[in-house]
Amino acid sequence: MTPGSATSFRAPQSFRATNWHEAIAECQARNEGYVLVTVVGTAGSTPREPGSKMVVTASQSIDTIGGGHLEFDAIARAREFLAKGEVHTELHSYPLSSSLGQCCGGAVKVLFDVCNVHQQHIAIFGAGHVAKALVPILAQLPVRISWIDSREDLFPSTLPTNVQKVVEEAPESEVRHLDENSWLIILTHDHQLDYRITEQALKQPSLPFVGLIGSETKAKRFITKLTQRGFDDNALARLFTPIGNRDIPGKQPIEVAVSISAQIIERLHLSETKTGNSKRNSEKPATAFLREKDTISDT
């Protein structure tokens, strides 16, 4: 790496599990989607017996249903199901013939159960006082959290299993790596960094919620600058600032964290019921807040 270049470190997310039932427990704890792959029927010579199972995630597989091309195909099929993001059950038959690159001569029926896929991803930028109060609250919800800052020493020594630490010298560069439909919560110590993250996020139409801490004055300044940079009303409608439920007062970190959590919880429930257009006051975009007199100060 050349001197002065940005470095990025993500906490290891490899599984500790060595068998399928331990893997399920880890996936549930992490709020990570997975596919339980089960051999439910066999005929003739087969590599594993009925009841053999494996767990497949987007990046790893745990345990085995027999190895070889059968397992490779099952893993690929499982990840196709995961990519669709839908709970799904499907039975598939595999003849263990030359077409599969195996010559056992038998046949296997495999059941695919897609589980735990509706886990919202939230990217939290900043590891200051508000973020430290916020993350333990949000981590108790059915979400996956990426917690991003350039200062590794600010992160707690231990994190909930569904929280991934990302240390990046240029945090705004992480925006382009976010999954589609990720929600952003921007809480950094630097207004210029806040702006760079916000600008990068609004360039990505697949990011529907860009929540930014700040005051009405800061919101006006950001929106003026963003408008001058060519961002239209559709892009600005995804910016929610000041972030948080405005019915919850207070400026202490825990009070702001509770306010933000309330807005996120409300949004999670709206997403579950697919009534996202029925937004309450806490879900007004930034442009709506600019027409109001109340303010929320920076924290």
C-alpha atoms as a PDB file:
ATOM      1  CA  MET A   1       0.000   0.000   0.000  1.00  0.00           C
ATOM      2  CA  THR A   2       1.383   3.411  -0.904  1.00  0.00           C
ATOM      3  CA  PRO A   3       2.011   5.988   1.834  1.00  0.00           C
ATOM      4  CA  GLY A   4      -1.002   8.126   2.606  1.00  0.00           C
ATOM      5  CA  SER A   5      -3.473   5.825   0.870  1.00  0.00           C
ATOM      6  CA  ALA A   6      -6.763   5.050   2.555  1.00  0.00           C
ATOM      7  CA  THR A   7      -7.062   1.878   4.560  1.00  0.00           C
ATOM      8  CA  SER A   8     -10.217  -0.017   5.382  1.00  0.00           C
ATOM      9  CA  PHE A   9     -10.713  -2.673   8.034  1.00  0.00           C
ATOM     10  CA  ARG A  10     -13.841  -4.720   8.598  1.00  0.00           C
ATOM     11  CA  ALA A  11     -14.134  -6.861  11.672  1.00  0.00           C
ATOM     12  CA  PRO A  12     -13.953 -10.549  10.757  1.00  0.00           C
ATOM     13  CA  GLN A  13     -17.375 -12.029  10.136  1.00  0.00           C
ATOM     14  CA  SER A  14     -16.420 -15.666   9.627  1.00  0.00           C
ATOM     15  CA  PHE A  15     -18.615 -18.221  11.337  1.00  0.00           C
ATOM     16  CA  ARG A  16     -17.532 -19.954  14.514  1.00  0.00           C
ATOM     17  CA  ALA A  17     -20.059 -22.701  13.799  1.00  0.00           C
ATOM     18  CA  THR A  18     -18.845 -26.056  12.522  1.00  0.00           C
ATOM     19  CA  ASN A  19     -22.256 -27.661  11.970  1.00  0.00           C
ATOM     20  CA  TRP A  20     -25.606 -26.618  10.557  1.00  0.00           C
ATOM     21  CA  HIS A  21     -27.516 -26.114  13.826  1.00  0.00           C
ATOM     22  CA  GLU A  22     -24.788 -23.899  15.301  1.00  0.00           C
ATOM     23  CA  ALA A  23     -24.785 -21.946  12.027  1.00  0.00           C
ATOM     24  CA  ILE A  24     -28.528 -21.327  12.278  1.00  0.00           C
ATOM     25  CA  ALA A  25     -28.057 -19.956  15.790  1.00  0.00           C
ATOM     26  CA  GLU A  26     -25.302 -17.619  14.578  1.00  0.00           C
ATOM     27  CA  CYS A  27     -27.370 -16.426  11.623  1.00  0.00           C
ATOM     28  CA  GLN A  28     -30.284 -15.680  13.938  1.00  0.00           C
ATOM     29  CA  ALA A  29     -28.019 -13.797  16.344  1.00  0.00           C
ATOM     30  CA  ARG A  30     -26.492 -11.779  13.503  1.00  0.00           C
ATOM     31  CA  ASN A  31     -29.838 -11.201  11.792  1.00  0.00           C
ATOM     32  CA  GLU A  32     -28.287 -12.661   8.650  1.00  0.00           C
ATOM     33  CA  GLY A  33     -30.257 -14.375   5.913  1.00  0.00           C
ATOM     34  CA  TYR A  34     -29.529 -18.024   5.245  1.00  0.00           C
ATOM     35  CA  VAL A  35     -30.783 -21.117   3.423  1.00  0.00           C
ATOM     36  CA  LEU A  36     -31.156 -24.423   5.209  1.00  0.00           C
ATOM     37  CA  VAL A  37     -30.404 -27.131   2.629  1.00  0.00           C
ATOM     38  CA  THR A  38     -31.669 -30.597   3.546  1.00  0.00           C
ATOM     39  CA  VAL A  39     -31.431 -33.974   1.843  1.00  0.00           C
ATOM     40  CA  VAL A  40     -34.997 -35.264   2.179  1.00  0.00           C
ATOM     41  CA  GLY A  41     -34.885 -38.305  -0.070  1.00  0.00           C
ATOM     42  CA  THR A  42     -32.402 -40.618  -1.766  1.00  0.00           C
ATOM     43  CA  ALA A  43     -32.451 -43.481  -4.258  1.00  0.00           C
ATOM     44  CA  GLY A  44     -29.563 -45.738  -5.122  1.00  0.00           C
ATOM     45  CA  SER A  45     -26.015 -44.786  -4.272  1.00  0.00           C
ATOM     46  CA  THR A  46     -25.719 -41.267  -2.794  1.00  0.00           C
ATOM     47  CA  PRO A  47     -22.971 -39.386  -0.908  1.00  0.00           C
ATOM     48  CA  ARG A  48     -25.135 -38.608   2.152  1.00  0.00           C
ATOM     49  CA  GLU A  49     -28.217 -40.022   3.809  1.00  0.00           C
ATOM     50  CA  PRO A  50     -31.643 -38.319   4.204  1.00  0.00           C
ATOM     51  CA  GLY A  51     -31.599 -35.708   6.939  1.00  0.00           C
ATOM     52  CA  SER A  52     -28.135 -34.380   6.047  1.00  0.00           C
ATOM     53  CA  LYS A  53     -28.134 -30.590   6.190  1.00  0.00           C
ATOM     54  CA  MET A  54     -26.016 -27.569   5.443  1.00  0.00           C
ATOM     55  CA  VAL A  55     -26.459 -23.832   5.915  1.00  0.00           C
ATOM     56  CA  VAL A  56     -25.672 -21.414   3.101  1.00  0.00           C
ATOM     57  CA  THR A  57     -25.252 -17.653   3.530  1.00  0.00           C
ATOM     58  CA  ALA A  58     -24.328 -15.010   0.977  1.00  0.00           C
ATOM     59  CA  SER A  59     -20.637 -15.600   1.635  1.00  0.00           C
ATOM     60  CA  GLN A  60     -20.169 -18.942   3.403  1.00  0.00           C
ATOM     61  CA  SER A  61     -21.454 -22.482   3.724  1.00  0.00           C
ATOM     62  CA  ILE A  62     -21.413 -24.584   6.891  1.00  0.00           C
ATOM     63  CA  ASP A  63     -21.667 -28.394   7.098  1.00  0.00           C
ATOM     64  CA  THR A  64     -22.175 -30.595   4.029  1.00  0.00           C
ATOM     65  CA  ILE A  65     -24.717 -32.574   2.046  1.00  0.00           C
ATOM     66  CA  GLY A  66     -22.040 -34.641   0.355  1.00  0.00           C
ATOM     67  CA  GLY A  67     -19.624 -32.363  -1.457  1.00  0.00           C
ATOM     68  CA  GLY A  68     -18.799 -32.445  -5.138  1.00  0.00           C
ATOM     69  CA  HIS A  69     -20.879 -30.931  -7.910  1.00  0.00           C
ATOM     70  CA  LEU A  70     -24.100 -31.696  -6.054  1.00  0.00           C
ATOM     71  CA  GLU A  71     -23.069 -29.427  -3.209  1.00  0.00           C
ATOM     72  CA  PHE A  72     -21.645 -26.746  -5.512  1.00  0.00           C
ATOM     73  CA  ASP A  73     -24.927 -26.579  -7.408  1.00  0.00           C
ATOM     74  CA  ALA A  74     -26.954 -26.524  -4.171  1.00  0.00           C
ATOM     75  CA  ILE A  75     -24.871 -23.633  -2.822  1.00  0.00           C
ATOM     76  CA  ALA A  76     -25.269 -21.648  -6.044  1.00  0.00           C
ATOM     77  CA  ARG A  77     -29.020 -22.297  -6.088  1.00  0.00           C
ATOM     78  CA  ALA A  78     -29.333 -21.295  -2.419  1.00  0.00           C
ATOM     79  CA  ARG A  79     -27.561 -17.985  -3.073  1.00  0.00           C
ATOM     80  CA  GLU A  80     -29.864 -17.265  -5.994  1.00  0.00           C
ATOM     81  CA  PHE A  81     -32.785 -17.652  -3.595  1.00  0.00           C
ATOM     82  CA  LEU A  82     -31.084 -15.389  -1.036  1.00  0.00           C
ATOM     83  CA  ALA A  83     -30.495 -12.700  -3.658  1.00  0.00           C
ATOM     84  CA  LYS A  84     -34.249 -12.489  -4.266  1.00  0.00           C
ATOM     85  CA  GLY A  85     -34.740 -11.504  -0.628  1.00  0.00           C
ATOM     86  CA  GLU A  86     -37.908 -13.538  -0.172  1.00  0.00           C
ATOM     87  CA  VAL A  87     -38.882 -16.315   2.223  1.00  0.00           C
ATOM     88  CA  HIS A  88     -39.121 -19.371   0.016  1.00  0.00           C
ATOM     89  CA  THR A  89     -39.263 -23.187   0.176  1.00  0.00           C
ATOM     90  CA  GLU A  90     -38.466 -25.359  -2.816  1.00  0.00           C
ATOM     91  CA  LEU A  91     -37.822 -29.045  -3.434  1.00  0.00           C
ATOM     92  CA  HIS A  92     -35.315 -29.917  -6.151  1.00  0.00           C
ATOM     93  CA  SER A  93     -34.347 -33.317  -7.570  1.00  0.00           C
ATOM     94  CA  TYR A  94     -30.758 -34.138  -8.528  1.00  0.00           C
ATOM     95  CA  PRO A  95     -29.880 -37.209 -10.616  1.00  0.00           C
ATOM     96  CA  LEU A  96     -26.302 -38.075  -9.732  1.00  0.00           C
ATOM     97  CA  SER A  97     -25.299 -38.659 -13.324  1.00  0.00           C
ATOM     98  CA  SER A  98     -22.633 -37.393 -15.707  1.00  0.00           C
ATOM     99  CA  SER A  99     -24.726 -34.250 -16.319  1.00  0.00           C
ATOM    100  CA  LEU A 100     -23.903 -33.222 -12.749  1.00  0.00           C
ATOM    101  CA  GLY A 101     -20.334 -34.401 -12.993  1.00  0.00           C
ATOM    102  CA  GLN A 102     -20.998 -37.293 -10.588  1.00  0.00           C
ATOM    103  CA  CYS A 103     -21.299 -40.983 -11.323  1.00  0.00           C
ATOM    104  CA  CYS A 104     -22.897 -42.399  -8.170  1.00  0.00           C
ATOM    105  CA  GLY A 105     -25.881 -43.480 -10.235  1.00  0.00           C
ATOM    106  CA  GLY A 106     -28.389 -42.545  -7.566  1.00  0.00           C
ATOM    107  CA  ALA A 107     -30.702 -39.582  -7.064  1.00  0.00           C
ATOM    108  CA  VAL A 108     -31.211 -37.024  -4.312  1.00  0.00           C
ATOM    109  CA  LYS A 109     -34.115 -34.788  -3.387  1.00  0.00           C
ATOM    110  CA  VAL A 110     -33.003 -31.567  -1.707  1.00  0.00           C
ATOM    111  CA  LEU A 111     -35.215 -29.105   0.165  1.00  0.00           C
ATOM    112  CA  PHE A 112     -34.240 -25.409   0.213  1.00  0.00           C
ATOM    113  CA  ASP A 113     -35.645 -23.316   3.077  1.00  0.00           C
ATOM    114  CA  VAL A 114     -34.848 -19.601   2.756  1.00  0.00           C
ATOM    115  CA  CYS A 115     -34.927 -17.993   6.204  1.00  0.00           C
ATOM    116  CA  ASN A 116     -34.320 -14.718   8.018  1.00  0.00           C
ATOM    117  CA  VAL A 117     -34.047 -12.629   4.852  1.00  0.00           C
ATOM    118  CA  HIS A 118     -35.997  -9.525   5.863  1.00  0.00           C
ATOM    119  CA  GLN A 119     -33.191  -7.891   7.817  1.00  0.00           C
ATOM    120  CA  GLN A 120     -32.831  -4.190   7.142  1.00  0.00           C
ATOM    121  CA  HIS A 121     -29.259  -2.990   6.696  1.00  0.00           C
ATOM    122  CA  ILE A 122     -28.392   0.280   8.468  1.00  0.00           C
ATOM    123  CA  ALA A 123     -25.094   2.104   7.946  1.00  0.00           C
ATOM    124  CA  ILE A 124     -24.176   4.385  10.849  1.00  0.00           C
ATOM    125  CA  PHE A 125     -21.439   6.921  10.097  1.00  0.00           C
ATOM    126  CA  GLY A 126     -19.662   8.266  13.156  1.00  0.00           C
ATOM    127  CA  ALA A 127     -18.628   6.671  16.447  1.00  0.00           C
ATOM    128  CA  GLY A 128     -19.174   9.610  18.790  1.00  0.00           C
ATOM    129  CA  HIS A 129     -21.420   9.967  21.823  1.00  0.00           C
ATOM    130  CA  VAL A 130     -24.757   9.762  19.999  1.00  0.00           C
ATOM    131  CA  ALA A 131     -23.699   6.724  17.973  1.00  0.00           C
ATOM    132  CA  LYS A 132     -22.458   4.956  21.110  1.00  0.00           C
ATOM    133  CA  ALA A 133     -25.863   5.485  22.694  1.00  0.00           C
ATOM    134  CA  LEU A 134     -27.726   4.573  19.505  1.00  0.00           C
ATOM    135  CA  VAL A 135     -26.042   1.359  18.372  1.00  0.00           C
ATOM    136  CA  PRO A 136     -26.947  -0.754  21.454  1.00  0.00           C
ATOM    137  CA  ILE A 137     -30.604   0.234  21.005  1.00  0.00           C
ATOM    138  CA  LEU A 138     -30.808  -0.483  17.280  1.00  0.00           C
ATOM    139  CA  ALA A 139     -28.842  -3.728  17.638  1.00  0.00           C
ATOM    140  CA  GLN A 140     -31.798  -5.190  19.560  1.00  0.00           C
ATOM    141  CA  LEU A 141     -33.978  -4.813  16.457  1.00  0.00           C
ATOM    142  CA  PRO A 142     -34.132  -7.171  13.446  1.00  0.00           C
ATOM    143  CA  VAL A 143     -31.440  -5.233  11.540  1.00  0.00           C
ATOM    144  CA  ARG A 144     -27.839  -5.540  10.383  1.00  0.00           C
ATOM    145  CA  ILE A 145     -25.621  -2.595  11.229  1.00  0.00           C
ATOM    146  CA  SER A 146     -22.404  -1.368   9.633  1.00  0.00           C
ATOM    147  CA  TRP A 147     -20.756   1.098  12.044  1.00  0.00           C
ATOM    148  CA  ILE A 148     -18.279   3.264  10.171  1.00  0.00           C
ATOM    149  CA  ASP A 149     -15.622   5.705  11.382  1.00  0.00           C
ATOM    150  CA  SER A 150     -11.990   6.549  10.682  1.00  0.00           C
ATOM    151  CA  ARG A 151     -11.014   6.369  14.370  1.00  0.00           C
ATOM    152  CA  GLU A 152     -10.694   2.760  15.486  1.00  0.00           C
ATOM    153  CA  ASP A 153     -10.024   3.693  19.111  1.00  0.00           C
ATOM    154  CA  LEU A 154     -13.559   5.097  19.468  1.00  0.00           C
ATOM    155  CA  PHE A 155     -15.269   1.746  18.967  1.00  0.00           C
ATOM    156  CA  PRO A 156     -16.193  -0.358  22.006  1.00  0.00           C
ATOM    157  CA  SER A 157     -14.058  -3.444  22.532  1.00  0.00           C
ATOM    158  CA  THR A 158     -17.046  -5.742  22.068  1.00  0.00           C
ATOM    159  CA  LEU A 159     -19.989  -5.332  19.717  1.00  0.00           C
ATOM    160  CA  PRO A 160     -23.322  -7.105  19.275  1.00  0.00           C
ATOM    161  CA  THR A 161     -23.132  -9.932  16.754  1.00  0.00           C
ATOM    162  CA  ASN A 162     -25.265  -8.070  14.198  1.00  0.00           C
ATOM    163  CA  VAL A 163     -22.968  -5.013  14.250  1.00  0.00           C
ATOM    164  CA  GLN A 164     -19.961  -4.878  11.914  1.00  0.00           C
ATOM    165  CA  LYS A 165     -17.183  -2.394  12.627  1.00  0.00           C
ATOM    166  CA  VAL A 166     -15.725  -0.627   9.589  1.00  0.00           C
ATOM    167  CA  VAL A 167     -12.607   1.507  10.055  1.00  0.00           C
ATOM    168  CA  GLU A 168     -12.061   3.655   6.959  1.00  0.00           C
ATOM    169  CA  GLU A 169      -9.870   6.740   6.569  1.00  0.00           C
ATOM    170  CA  ALA A 170     -12.371   8.151   4.054  1.00  0.00           C
ATOM    171  CA  PRO A 171     -15.782   7.081   5.424  1.00  0.00           C
ATOM    172  CA  GLU A 172     -17.663   8.576   2.461  1.00  0.00           C
ATOM    173  CA  SER A 173     -16.020   5.953   0.231  1.00  0.00           C
ATOM    174  CA  GLU A 174     -18.037   3.255   2.015  1.00  0.00           C
ATOM    175  CA  VAL A 175     -21.305   4.566   0.560  1.00  0.00           C
ATOM    176  CA  ARG A 176     -20.705   2.920  -2.801  1.00  0.00           C
ATOM    177  CA  HIS A 177     -20.291  -0.472  -1.104  1.00  0.00           C
ATOM    178  CA  LEU A 178     -23.685  -0.403   0.622  1.00  0.00           C
ATOM    179  CA  ASP A 179     -26.379  -2.866  -0.330  1.00  0.00           C
ATOM    180  CA  GLU A 180     -29.439  -1.620  -2.158  1.00  0.00           C
ATOM    181  CA  ASN A 181     -32.136  -0.314   0.190  1.00  0.00           C
ATOM    182  CA  SER A 182     -29.628   0.365   2.977  1.00  0.00           C
ATOM    183  CA  TRP A 183     -30.556   3.160   5.362  1.00  0.00           C
ATOM    184  CA  LEU A 184     -27.934   5.708   6.390  1.00  0.00           C
ATOM    185  CA  ILE A 185     -27.597   7.491   9.706  1.00  0.00           C
ATOM    186  CA  ILE A 186     -24.965  10.233   9.501  1.00  0.00           C
ATOM    187  CA  LEU A 187     -23.597  11.336  12.892  1.00  0.00           C
ATOM    188  CA  THR A 188     -19.974  12.299  12.326  1.00  0.00           C
ATOM    189  CA  HIS A 189     -17.940  14.917  14.155  1.00  0.00           C
ATOM    190  CA  ASP A 190     -17.237  16.916  10.989  1.00  0.00           C
ATOM    191  CA  HIS A 191     -19.822  18.900   8.983  1.00  0.00           C
ATOM    192  CA  GLN A 192     -17.720  18.646   5.836  1.00  0.00           C
ATOM    193  CA  LEU A 193     -17.547  14.885   6.200  1.00  0.00           C
ATOM    194  CA  ASP A 194     -21.313  14.827   6.814  1.00  0.00           C
ATOM    195  CA  TYR A 195     -21.780  16.676   3.553  1.00  0.00           C
ATOM    196  CA  ARG A 196     -19.515  14.350   1.559  1.00  0.00           C
ATOM    197  CA  ILE A 197     -21.348  11.279   2.874  1.00  0.00           C
ATOM    198  CA  THR A 198     -24.731  12.882   2.165  1.00  0.00           C
ATOM    199  CA  GLU A 199     -23.735  13.845  -1.368  1.00  0.00           C
ATOM    200  CA  GLN A 200     -22.457  10.356  -2.139  1.00  0.00           C
ATOM    201  CA  ALA A 201     -25.627   8.781  -0.727  1.00  0.00           C
ATOM    202  CA  LEU A 202     -27.970  10.993  -2.749  1.00  0.00           C
ATOM    203  CA  LYS A 203     -26.129   9.960  -5.907  1.00  0.00           C
ATOM    204  CA  GLN A 204     -27.373   6.417  -5.255  1.00  0.00           C
ATOM    205  CA  PRO A 205     -31.133   6.147  -6.000  1.00  0.00           C
ATOM    206  CA  SER A 206     -31.150   2.706  -4.360  1.00  0.00           C
ATOM    207  CA  LEU A 207     -30.577   4.290  -0.911  1.00  0.00           C
ATOM    208  CA  PRO A 208     -34.054   5.418   0.198  1.00  0.00           C
ATOM    209  CA  PHE A 209     -33.286   6.889   3.631  1.00  0.00           C
ATOM    210  CA  VAL A 210     -30.424   9.281   4.310  1.00  0.00           C
ATOM    211  CA  GLY A 211     -30.778  10.509   7.886  1.00  0.00           C
ATOM    212  CA  LEU A 212     -28.558  13.401   8.947  1.00  0.00           C
ATOM    213  CA  ILE A 213     -28.136  14.879  12.402  1.00  0.00           C
ATOM    214  CA  GLY A 214     -28.106  18.662  12.639  1.00  0.00           C
ATOM    215  CA  SER A 215     -30.019  21.903  12.966  1.00  0.00           C
ATOM    216  CA  GLU A 216     -32.418  23.620  10.596  1.00  0.00           C
ATOM    217  CA  THR A 217     -29.625  26.030   9.713  1.00  0.00           C
ATOM    218  CA  LYS A 218     -27.337  23.151   8.794  1.00  0.00           C
ATOM    219  CA  ALA A 219     -30.153  21.535   6.780  1.00  0.00           C
ATOM    220  CA  LYS A 220     -30.774  24.737   4.815  1.00  0.00           C
ATOM    221  CA  ARG A 221     -27.071  25.121   4.091  1.00  0.00           C
ATOM    222  CA  PHE A 222     -26.747  21.509   2.936  1.00  0.00           C
ATOM    223  CA  ILE A 223     -29.849  21.651   0.730  1.00  0.00           C
ATOM    224  CA  THR A 224     -28.759  24.919  -0.856  1.00  0.00           C
ATOM    225  CA  LYS A 225     -25.374  23.428  -1.682  1.00  0.00           C
ATOM    226  CA  LEU A 226     -26.888  20.164  -2.924  1.00  0.00           C
ATOM    227  CA  THR A 227     -29.330  22.061  -5.128  1.00  0.00           C
ATOM    228  CA  GLN A 228     -26.476  24.063  -6.598  1.00  0.00           C
ATOM    229  CA  ARG A 229     -24.720  20.761  -7.325  1.00  0.00           C
ATOM    230  CA  GLY A 230     -27.713  19.628  -9.380  1.00  0.00           C
ATOM    231  CA  PHE A 231     -29.653  17.393  -6.975  1.00  0.00           C
ATOM    232  CA  ASP A 232     -33.369  17.539  -7.785  1.00  0.00           C
ATOM    233  CA  ASP A 233     -36.455  17.201  -5.569  1.00  0.00           C
ATOM    234  CA  ASN A 234     -36.555  13.423  -6.013  1.00  0.00           C
ATOM    235  CA  ALA A 235     -33.046  13.078  -4.636  1.00  0.00           C
ATOM    236  CA  LEU A 236     -33.629  15.543  -1.800  1.00  0.00           C
ATOM    237  CA  ALA A 237     -36.819  13.712  -0.815  1.00  0.00           C
ATOM    238  CA  ARG A 238     -34.554  10.886   0.418  1.00  0.00           C
ATOM    239  CA  LEU A 239     -32.756  13.222   2.839  1.00  0.00           C
ATOM    240  CA  PHE A 240     -34.225  13.343   6.361  1.00  0.00           C
ATOM    241  CA  THR A 241     -32.724  16.065   8.493  1.00  0.00           C
ATOM    242  CA  PRO A 242     -32.816  16.777  11.339  1.00  0.00           C
ATOM    243  CA  ILE A 243     -33.055  13.028  11.843  1.00  0.00           C
ATOM    244  CA  GLY A 244     -35.216  11.734  14.653  1.00  0.00           C
ATOM    245  CA  ASN A 245     -38.754  11.804  16.000  1.00  0.00           C
ATOM    246  CA  ARG A 246     -39.430  15.434  16.811  1.00  0.00           C
ATOM    247  CA  ASP A 247     -41.954  14.520  19.511  1.00  0.00           C
ATOM    248  CA  ILE A 248     -39.033  13.387  21.678  1.00  0.00           C
ATOM    249  CA  PRO A 249     -37.198  16.414  23.132  1.00  0.00           C
ATOM    250  CA  GLY A 250     -33.709  16.751  24.551  1.00  0.00           C
ATOM    251  CA  LYS A 251     -30.120  17.170  23.418  1.00  0.00           C
ATOM    252  CA  GLN A 252     -28.321  14.614  25.586  1.00  0.00           C
ATOM    253  CA  PRO A 253     -26.795  11.772  23.526  1.00  0.00           C
ATOM    254  CA  ILE A 254     -29.227   9.213  24.938  1.00  0.00           C
ATOM    255  CA  GLU A 255     -32.191  11.509  24.223  1.00  0.00           C
ATOM    256  CA  VAL A 256     -31.089  12.032  20.631  1.00  0.00           C
ATOM    257  CA  ALA A 257     -30.431   8.296  20.296  1.00  0.00           C
ATOM    258  CA  VAL A 258     -33.936   7.484  21.532  1.00  0.00           C
ATOM    259  CA  SER A 259     -35.385  10.040  19.112  1.00  0.00           C
ATOM    260  CA  ILE A 260     -33.536   8.456  16.177  1.00  0.00           C
ATOM    261  CA  SER A 261     -34.458   4.956  17.332  1.00  0.00           C
ATOM    262  CA  ALA A 262     -38.133   5.917  17.439  1.00  0.00           C
ATOM    263  CA  GLN A 263     -37.978   7.087  13.821  1.00  0.00           C
ATOM    264  CA  ILE A 264     -36.170   3.923  12.720  1.00  0.00           C
ATOM    265  CA  ILE A 265     -38.651   1.670  14.563  1.00  0.00           C
ATOM    266  CA  GLU A 266     -41.550   3.482  12.944  1.00  0.00           C
ATOM    267  CA  ARG A 267     -39.950   3.099   9.533  1.00  0.00           C
ATOM    268  CA  LEU A 268     -39.281  -0.609  10.113  1.00  0.00           C
ATOM    269  CA  HIS A 269     -42.955  -1.185  10.881  1.00  0.00           C
ATOM    270  CA  LEU A 270     -44.026   0.818   7.846  1.00  0.00           C
ATOM    271  CA  SER A 271     -41.718  -1.303   5.701  1.00  0.00           C
ATOM    272  CA  GLU A 272     -43.131  -4.519   7.118  1.00  0.00           C
ATOM    273  CA  THR A 273     -46.706  -3.486   6.342  1.00  0.00           C
ATOM    274  CA  LYS A 274     -45.735  -1.979   2.961  1.00  0.00           C
ATOM    275  CA  THR A 275     -47.433   1.295   3.812  1.00  0.00           C
ATOM    276  CA  GLY A 276     -44.375   3.468   3.492  1.00  0.00           C
ATOM    277  CA  ASN A 277     -46.405   6.270   1.907  1.00  0.00           C
ATOM    278  CA  SER A 278     -48.397   6.758   5.120  1.00  0.00           C
ATOM    279  CA  LYS A 279     -45.657   8.734   6.839  1.00  0.00           C
ATOM    280  CA  ARG A 280     -46.012  10.537  10.150  1.00  0.00           C
ATOM    281  CA  ASN A 281     -44.250  13.803  11.033  1.00  0.00           C
ATOM    282  CA  SER A 282     -41.041  11.988  11.973  1.00  0.00           C
ATOM    283  CA  GLU A 283     -40.782  10.770   8.377  1.00  0.00           C
ATOM    284  CA  LYS A 284     -40.870  14.171   6.705  1.00  0.00           C
ATOM    285  CA  PRO A 285     -37.973  14.729   4.318  1.00  0.00           C
ATOM    286  CA  ALA A 286     -35.577  17.599   4.866  1.00  0.00           C
ATOM    287  CA  THR A 287     -37.325  19.945   2.449  1.00  0.00           C
ATOM    288  CA  ALA A 288     -40.504  19.730   4.541  1.00  0.00           C
ATOM    289  CA  PHE A 289     -38.663  20.651   7.723  1.00  0.00           C
ATOM    290  CA  LEU A 290     -37.281  23.781   6.108  1.00  0.00           C
ATOM    291  CA  ARG A 291     -40.793  25.188   6.065  1.00  0.00           C
ATOM    292  CA  GLU A 292     -41.168  24.756   9.820  1.00  0.00           C
ATOM    293  CA  LYS A 293     -39.863  26.951  12.625  1.00  0.00           C
ATOM    294  CA  ASP A 294     -38.765  24.298  15.154  1.00  0.00           C
ATOM    295  CA  THR A 295     -35.122  23.277  15.201  1.00  0.00           C
ATOM    296  CA  ILE A 296     -33.003  20.441  16.476  1.00  0.00           C
ATOM    297  CA  SER A 297     -29.448  21.396  17.375  1.00  0.00           C
ATOM    298  CA  ASP A 298     -26.291  19.526  16.415  1.00  0.00           C
ATOM    299  CA  THR A 299     -25.053  16.913  18.824  1.00  0.00           C
END
